[in-house]
Amino acid sequence: MTAQSFPLAPLHRSAWLVLIAIPVVVVAAAMLFPEQRQLPAPAWLLAPMFCALLMVPLALALQRRRISIEGRTLDVAATFYTRKVDIDALDLEHARIISLDEHTELAPRFKLNGYDLPRFRAGHFLLRNRSRAFCLLTARDRVLVLPQRDGKVLLLSPERPRDLLERLRELATPPPHR
């Protein structure tokens, strides 16, 4: 069975800028502040190595973003997190496309277990309305809200949310009897 992929809205460059800014600040701090203890190597040498060990996996994880449908399962890969949901578990009658700037009650408020950068959210979040949601958000203006029958929510930012919603509704409708 082949998977059908739905491209995501482009990731804003501010997410990448934060990943670049963190090591720059750490290296600058290592160069500005005198060493307090004896280290096996100078701080100006250890800081870039530490940053590389920390930031390379985070940057690679940021590359892992996809939304696909395989059979009757919606598969969302968001950095370190994956969510597979059977289409029958979605309440597609109440699914809609919104702007999080207008519907602030559905905006992620607290990160429960996720990856959070400016204009990018991936993983498990508590929304402002106190619902739990699995998010893969790269844009705030066209967000597909997919309520689940268990009360949880999926918040996704596909490039064309209407196409994804229509495909999910097609798969959810039972085939006609003959």
C-alpha atoms as a PDB file:
ATOM      1  CA  MET A   1       0.000   0.000   0.000  1.00  0.00           C
ATOM      2  CA  THR A   2       1.465   3.363  -0.978  1.00  0.00           C
ATOM      3  CA  ALA A   3       1.414   6.444   1.205  1.00  0.00           C
ATOM      4  CA  GLN A   4       0.013   9.765   0.025  1.00  0.00           C
ATOM      5  CA  SER A   5       2.061  12.723   1.305  1.00  0.00           C
ATOM      6  CA  PHE A   6       0.837  16.237   1.987  1.00  0.00           C
ATOM      7  CA  PRO A   7       3.553  18.917   1.974  1.00  0.00           C
ATOM      8  CA  LEU A   8       3.789  21.240   4.956  1.00  0.00           C
ATOM      9  CA  ALA A   9       3.617  24.999   4.912  1.00  0.00           C
ATOM     10  CA  PRO A  10       7.188  26.333   4.694  1.00  0.00           C
ATOM     11  CA  LEU A  11       9.112  26.639   7.935  1.00  0.00           C
ATOM     12  CA  HIS A  12       9.755  30.261   8.849  1.00  0.00           C
ATOM     13  CA  ARG A  13      13.418  31.243   8.859  1.00  0.00           C
ATOM     14  CA  SER A  14      13.205  32.464  12.464  1.00  0.00           C
ATOM     15  CA  ALA A  15      13.222  28.823  13.604  1.00  0.00           C
ATOM     16  CA  TRP A  16      16.536  28.276  11.844  1.00  0.00           C
ATOM     17  CA  LEU A  17      17.905  31.581  13.139  1.00  0.00           C
ATOM     18  CA  VAL A  18      17.289  30.507  16.741  1.00  0.00           C
ATOM     19  CA  LEU A  19      19.167  27.260  16.132  1.00  0.00           C
ATOM     20  CA  ILE A  20      22.089  29.286  14.776  1.00  0.00           C
ATOM     21  CA  ALA A  21      21.940  31.926  17.524  1.00  0.00           C
ATOM     22  CA  ILE A  22      22.219  29.457  20.414  1.00  0.00           C
ATOM     23  CA  PRO A  23      25.707  28.177  19.568  1.00  0.00           C
ATOM     24  CA  VAL A  24      26.898  31.689  18.692  1.00  0.00           C
ATOM     25  CA  VAL A  25      25.858  32.933  22.136  1.00  0.00           C
ATOM     26  CA  VAL A  26      27.448  29.946  23.907  1.00  0.00           C
ATOM     27  CA  VAL A  27      30.765  30.367  22.066  1.00  0.00           C
ATOM     28  CA  ALA A  28      30.764  34.137  22.677  1.00  0.00           C
ATOM     29  CA  ALA A  29      30.097  33.576  26.395  1.00  0.00           C
ATOM     30  CA  ALA A  30      32.918  31.036  26.573  1.00  0.00           C
ATOM     31  CA  MET A  31      35.300  33.550  25.039  1.00  0.00           C
ATOM     32  CA  LEU A  32      34.199  36.489  27.200  1.00  0.00           C
ATOM     33  CA  PHE A  33      34.176  34.906  30.631  1.00  0.00           C
ATOM     34  CA  PRO A  34      37.403  33.724  32.201  1.00  0.00           C
ATOM     35  CA  GLU A  35      37.732  30.062  33.056  1.00  0.00           C
ATOM     36  CA  GLN A  36      36.867  29.184  36.639  1.00  0.00           C
ATOM     37  CA  ARG A  37      38.256  25.630  36.697  1.00  0.00           C
ATOM     38  CA  GLN A  38      40.947  23.707  34.988  1.00  0.00           C
ATOM     39  CA  LEU A  39      39.532  22.063  31.880  1.00  0.00           C
ATOM     40  CA  PRO A  40      41.311  19.555  29.654  1.00  0.00           C
ATOM     41  CA  ALA A  41      41.093  22.097  26.808  1.00  0.00           C
ATOM     42  CA  PRO A  42      40.412  25.834  26.575  1.00  0.00           C
ATOM     43  CA  ALA A  43      36.743  26.915  26.805  1.00  0.00           C
ATOM     44  CA  TRP A  44      36.905  28.550  23.377  1.00  0.00           C
ATOM     45  CA  LEU A  45      37.655  25.116  21.940  1.00  0.00           C
ATOM     46  CA  LEU A  46      35.225  23.096  24.074  1.00  0.00           C
ATOM     47  CA  ALA A  47      32.231  25.412  23.516  1.00  0.00           C
ATOM     48  CA  PRO A  48      31.977  24.866  19.722  1.00  0.00           C
ATOM     49  CA  MET A  49      32.371  21.106  20.168  1.00  0.00           C
ATOM     50  CA  PHE A  50      29.650  21.062  22.832  1.00  0.00           C
ATOM     51  CA  CYS A  51      27.363  23.136  20.616  1.00  0.00           C
ATOM     52  CA  ALA A  52      27.921  20.828  17.662  1.00  0.00           C
ATOM     53  CA  LEU A  53      27.061  17.782  19.786  1.00  0.00           C
ATOM     54  CA  LEU A  54      23.886  19.495  20.974  1.00  0.00           C
ATOM     55  CA  MET A  55      22.732  21.382  17.898  1.00  0.00           C
ATOM     56  CA  VAL A  56      23.347  18.865  15.100  1.00  0.00           C
ATOM     57  CA  PRO A  57      20.717  16.391  16.418  1.00  0.00           C
ATOM     58  CA  LEU A  58      18.267  19.264  16.980  1.00  0.00           C
ATOM     59  CA  ALA A  59      18.784  20.557  13.436  1.00  0.00           C
ATOM     60  CA  LEU A  60      18.402  17.053  11.998  1.00  0.00           C
ATOM     61  CA  ALA A  61      15.203  16.550  14.006  1.00  0.00           C
ATOM     62  CA  LEU A  62      13.831  19.792  12.605  1.00  0.00           C
ATOM     63  CA  GLN A  63      14.143  18.248   9.143  1.00  0.00           C
ATOM     64  CA  ARG A  64      11.796  15.378  10.111  1.00  0.00           C
ATOM     65  CA  ARG A  65       8.385  16.819   9.316  1.00  0.00           C
ATOM     66  CA  ARG A  66       5.733  15.069   7.256  1.00  0.00           C
ATOM     67  CA  ILE A  67       2.035  14.381   6.965  1.00  0.00           C
ATOM     68  CA  SER A  68       0.916  11.305   5.063  1.00  0.00           C
ATOM     69  CA  ILE A  69      -1.965   8.903   4.740  1.00  0.00           C
ATOM     70  CA  GLU A  70      -1.185   5.231   4.462  1.00  0.00           C
ATOM     71  CA  GLY A  71      -4.219   3.030   3.995  1.00  0.00           C
ATOM     72  CA  ARG A  72      -6.719   4.288   6.572  1.00  0.00           C
ATOM     73  CA  THR A  73      -4.106   5.801   8.899  1.00  0.00           C
ATOM     74  CA  LEU A  74      -3.049   9.425   9.190  1.00  0.00           C
ATOM     75  CA  ASP A  75       0.681   9.486   9.942  1.00  0.00           C
ATOM     76  CA  VAL A  76       2.233  12.683  11.310  1.00  0.00           C
ATOM     77  CA  ALA A  77       5.991  12.828  11.892  1.00  0.00           C
ATOM     78  CA  ALA A  78       7.076  15.888  13.841  1.00  0.00           C
ATOM     79  CA  THR A  79      10.776  16.038  14.805  1.00  0.00           C
ATOM     80  CA  PHE A  80      11.220  13.453  17.595  1.00  0.00           C
ATOM     81  CA  TYR A  81       7.484  12.651  17.709  1.00  0.00           C
ATOM     82  CA  THR A  82       5.162  10.525  15.601  1.00  0.00           C
ATOM     83  CA  ARG A  83       1.405  10.236  15.762  1.00  0.00           C
ATOM     84  CA  LYS A  84      -0.553   7.588  13.864  1.00  0.00           C
ATOM     85  CA  VAL A  85      -4.314   7.948  13.981  1.00  0.00           C
ATOM     86  CA  ASP A  86      -6.912   5.733  12.373  1.00  0.00           C
ATOM     87  CA  ILE A  87      -9.215   7.844  10.226  1.00  0.00           C
ATOM     88  CA  ASP A  88     -12.258   6.428  12.032  1.00  0.00           C
ATOM     89  CA  ALA A  89     -10.889   7.924  15.290  1.00  0.00           C
ATOM     90  CA  LEU A  90     -11.185  11.438  13.823  1.00  0.00           C
ATOM     91  CA  ASP A  91     -14.338  13.521  14.215  1.00  0.00           C
ATOM     92  CA  LEU A  92     -14.253  14.901  10.668  1.00  0.00           C
ATOM     93  CA  GLU A  93     -17.659  16.555  10.963  1.00  0.00           C
ATOM     94  CA  HIS A  94     -16.101  19.085  13.352  1.00  0.00           C
ATOM     95  CA  ALA A  95     -12.775  19.427  11.519  1.00  0.00           C
ATOM     96  CA  ARG A  96     -12.052  22.894  10.182  1.00  0.00           C
ATOM     97  CA  ILE A  97      -9.368  25.201   8.878  1.00  0.00           C
ATOM     98  CA  ILE A  98      -8.632  28.201  11.066  1.00  0.00           C
ATOM     99  CA  SER A  99      -6.188  30.968  11.824  1.00  0.00           C
ATOM    100  CA  LEU A 100      -4.691  30.662  15.305  1.00  0.00           C
ATOM    101  CA  ASP A 101      -4.524  34.459  15.449  1.00  0.00           C
ATOM    102  CA  GLU A 102      -8.338  34.582  15.275  1.00  0.00           C
ATOM    103  CA  HIS A 103      -9.093  31.404  17.259  1.00  0.00           C
ATOM    104  CA  THR A 104      -6.696  31.936  20.154  1.00  0.00           C
ATOM    105  CA  GLU A 105      -8.441  29.319  22.307  1.00  0.00           C
ATOM    106  CA  LEU A 106      -6.881  26.635  20.093  1.00  0.00           C
ATOM    107  CA  ALA A 107      -3.350  28.050  20.220  1.00  0.00           C
ATOM    108  CA  PRO A 108      -0.737  25.926  22.005  1.00  0.00           C
ATOM    109  CA  ARG A 109      -0.067  27.351  25.437  1.00  0.00           C
ATOM    110  CA  PHE A 110       2.080  24.873  27.386  1.00  0.00           C
ATOM    111  CA  LYS A 111       4.519  22.389  25.969  1.00  0.00           C
ATOM    112  CA  LEU A 112       3.905  18.991  27.572  1.00  0.00           C
ATOM    113  CA  ASN A 113       6.453  17.050  25.529  1.00  0.00           C
ATOM    114  CA  GLY A 114       7.440  18.839  22.387  1.00  0.00           C
ATOM    115  CA  TYR A 115       9.824  20.855  20.266  1.00  0.00           C
ATOM    116  CA  ASP A 116       9.166  24.573  20.378  1.00  0.00           C
ATOM    117  CA  LEU A 117      10.853  27.270  18.315  1.00  0.00           C
ATOM    118  CA  PRO A 118       9.574  30.614  17.030  1.00  0.00           C
ATOM    119  CA  ARG A 119       6.759  29.894  14.563  1.00  0.00           C
ATOM    120  CA  PHE A 120       7.253  26.141  14.903  1.00  0.00           C
ATOM    121  CA  ARG A 121       5.602  23.678  17.292  1.00  0.00           C
ATOM    122  CA  ALA A 122       5.910  19.897  17.191  1.00  0.00           C
ATOM    123  CA  GLY A 123       4.759  17.346  19.736  1.00  0.00           C
ATOM    124  CA  HIS A 124       2.301  17.347  22.615  1.00  0.00           C
ATOM    125  CA  PHE A 125       0.873  20.642  23.880  1.00  0.00           C
ATOM    126  CA  LEU A 126      -1.864  21.922  26.156  1.00  0.00           C
ATOM    127  CA  LEU A 127      -4.044  24.427  24.313  1.00  0.00           C
ATOM    128  CA  ARG A 128      -5.441  27.644  25.760  1.00  0.00           C
ATOM    129  CA  ASN A 129      -8.847  25.945  26.072  1.00  0.00           C
ATOM    130  CA  ARG A 130      -7.129  23.201  28.163  1.00  0.00           C
ATOM    131  CA  SER A 131      -7.474  20.507  25.501  1.00  0.00           C
ATOM    132  CA  ARG A 132      -4.524  18.298  24.720  1.00  0.00           C
ATOM    133  CA  ALA A 133      -3.209  18.432  21.183  1.00  0.00           C
ATOM    134  CA  PHE A 134      -0.577  16.852  19.020  1.00  0.00           C
ATOM    135  CA  CYS A 135       0.857  19.655  16.895  1.00  0.00           C
ATOM    136  CA  LEU A 136       2.877  20.021  13.749  1.00  0.00           C
ATOM    137  CA  LEU A 137       2.647  23.756  13.167  1.00  0.00           C
ATOM    138  CA  THR A 138       4.807  25.642  10.696  1.00  0.00           C
ATOM    139  CA  ALA A 139       2.247  28.389  10.048  1.00  0.00           C
ATOM    140  CA  ARG A 140      -0.498  30.010  12.108  1.00  0.00           C
ATOM    141  CA  ASP A 141      -2.781  31.317   9.371  1.00  0.00           C
ATOM    142  CA  ARG A 142      -4.029  28.036   7.827  1.00  0.00           C
ATOM    143  CA  VAL A 143      -4.205  25.388  10.519  1.00  0.00           C
ATOM    144  CA  LEU A 144      -6.187  22.193  10.074  1.00  0.00           C
ATOM    145  CA  VAL A 145      -7.942  21.312  13.325  1.00  0.00           C
ATOM    146  CA  LEU A 146      -8.748  17.594  13.505  1.00  0.00           C
ATOM    147  CA  PRO A 147     -10.680  16.681  16.657  1.00  0.00           C
ATOM    148  CA  GLN A 148     -10.440  13.081  17.758  1.00  0.00           C
ATOM    149  CA  ARG A 149     -13.320  11.139  19.241  1.00  0.00           C
ATOM    150  CA  ASP A 150     -11.356  10.722  22.508  1.00  0.00           C
ATOM    151  CA  GLY A 151     -11.309  14.508  23.083  1.00  0.00           C
ATOM    152  CA  LYS A 152      -7.762  15.154  21.902  1.00  0.00           C
ATOM    153  CA  VAL A 153      -6.964  17.324  18.904  1.00  0.00           C
ATOM    154  CA  LEU A 154      -4.506  17.311  16.018  1.00  0.00           C
ATOM    155  CA  LEU A 155      -3.281  20.728  14.845  1.00  0.00           C
ATOM    156  CA  LEU A 156      -1.513  20.540  11.493  1.00  0.00           C
ATOM    157  CA  SER A 157      -0.091  23.049   9.002  1.00  0.00           C
ATOM    158  CA  PRO A 158      -0.181  21.394   5.607  1.00  0.00           C
ATOM    159  CA  GLU A 159       0.560  23.651   2.677  1.00  0.00           C
ATOM    160  CA  ARG A 160      -2.949  22.970   1.340  1.00  0.00           C
ATOM    161  CA  PRO A 161      -5.110  22.021   4.338  1.00  0.00           C
ATOM    162  CA  ARG A 162      -8.295  21.729   2.275  1.00  0.00           C
ATOM    163  CA  ASP A 163      -6.761  18.948   0.169  1.00  0.00           C
ATOM    164  CA  LEU A 164      -5.846  16.941   3.269  1.00  0.00           C
ATOM    165  CA  LEU A 165      -9.274  17.442   4.832  1.00  0.00           C
ATOM    166  CA  GLU A 166     -11.056  16.416   1.621  1.00  0.00           C
ATOM    167  CA  ARG A 167      -8.920  13.277   1.325  1.00  0.00           C
ATOM    168  CA  LEU A 168      -9.629  12.318   4.937  1.00  0.00           C
ATOM    169  CA  ARG A 169     -13.366  12.796   4.362  1.00  0.00           C
ATOM    170  CA  GLU A 170     -13.209  10.670   1.194  1.00  0.00           C
ATOM    171  CA  LEU A 171     -11.578   7.844   3.100  1.00  0.00           C
ATOM    172  CA  ALA A 172     -14.027   8.157   6.001  1.00  0.00           C
ATOM    173  CA  THR A 173     -17.139   7.781   3.895  1.00  0.00           C
ATOM    174  CA  PRO A 174     -18.166   4.151   3.516  1.00  0.00           C
ATOM    175  CA  PRO A 175     -18.192   2.770  -0.035  1.00  0.00           C
ATOM    176  CA  PRO A 176     -21.662   2.421  -1.604  1.00  0.00           C
ATOM    177  CA  HIS A 177     -23.321  -1.018  -1.288  1.00  0.00           C
ATOM    178  CA  ARG A 178     -24.011  -2.929  -4.464  1.00  0.00           C
END
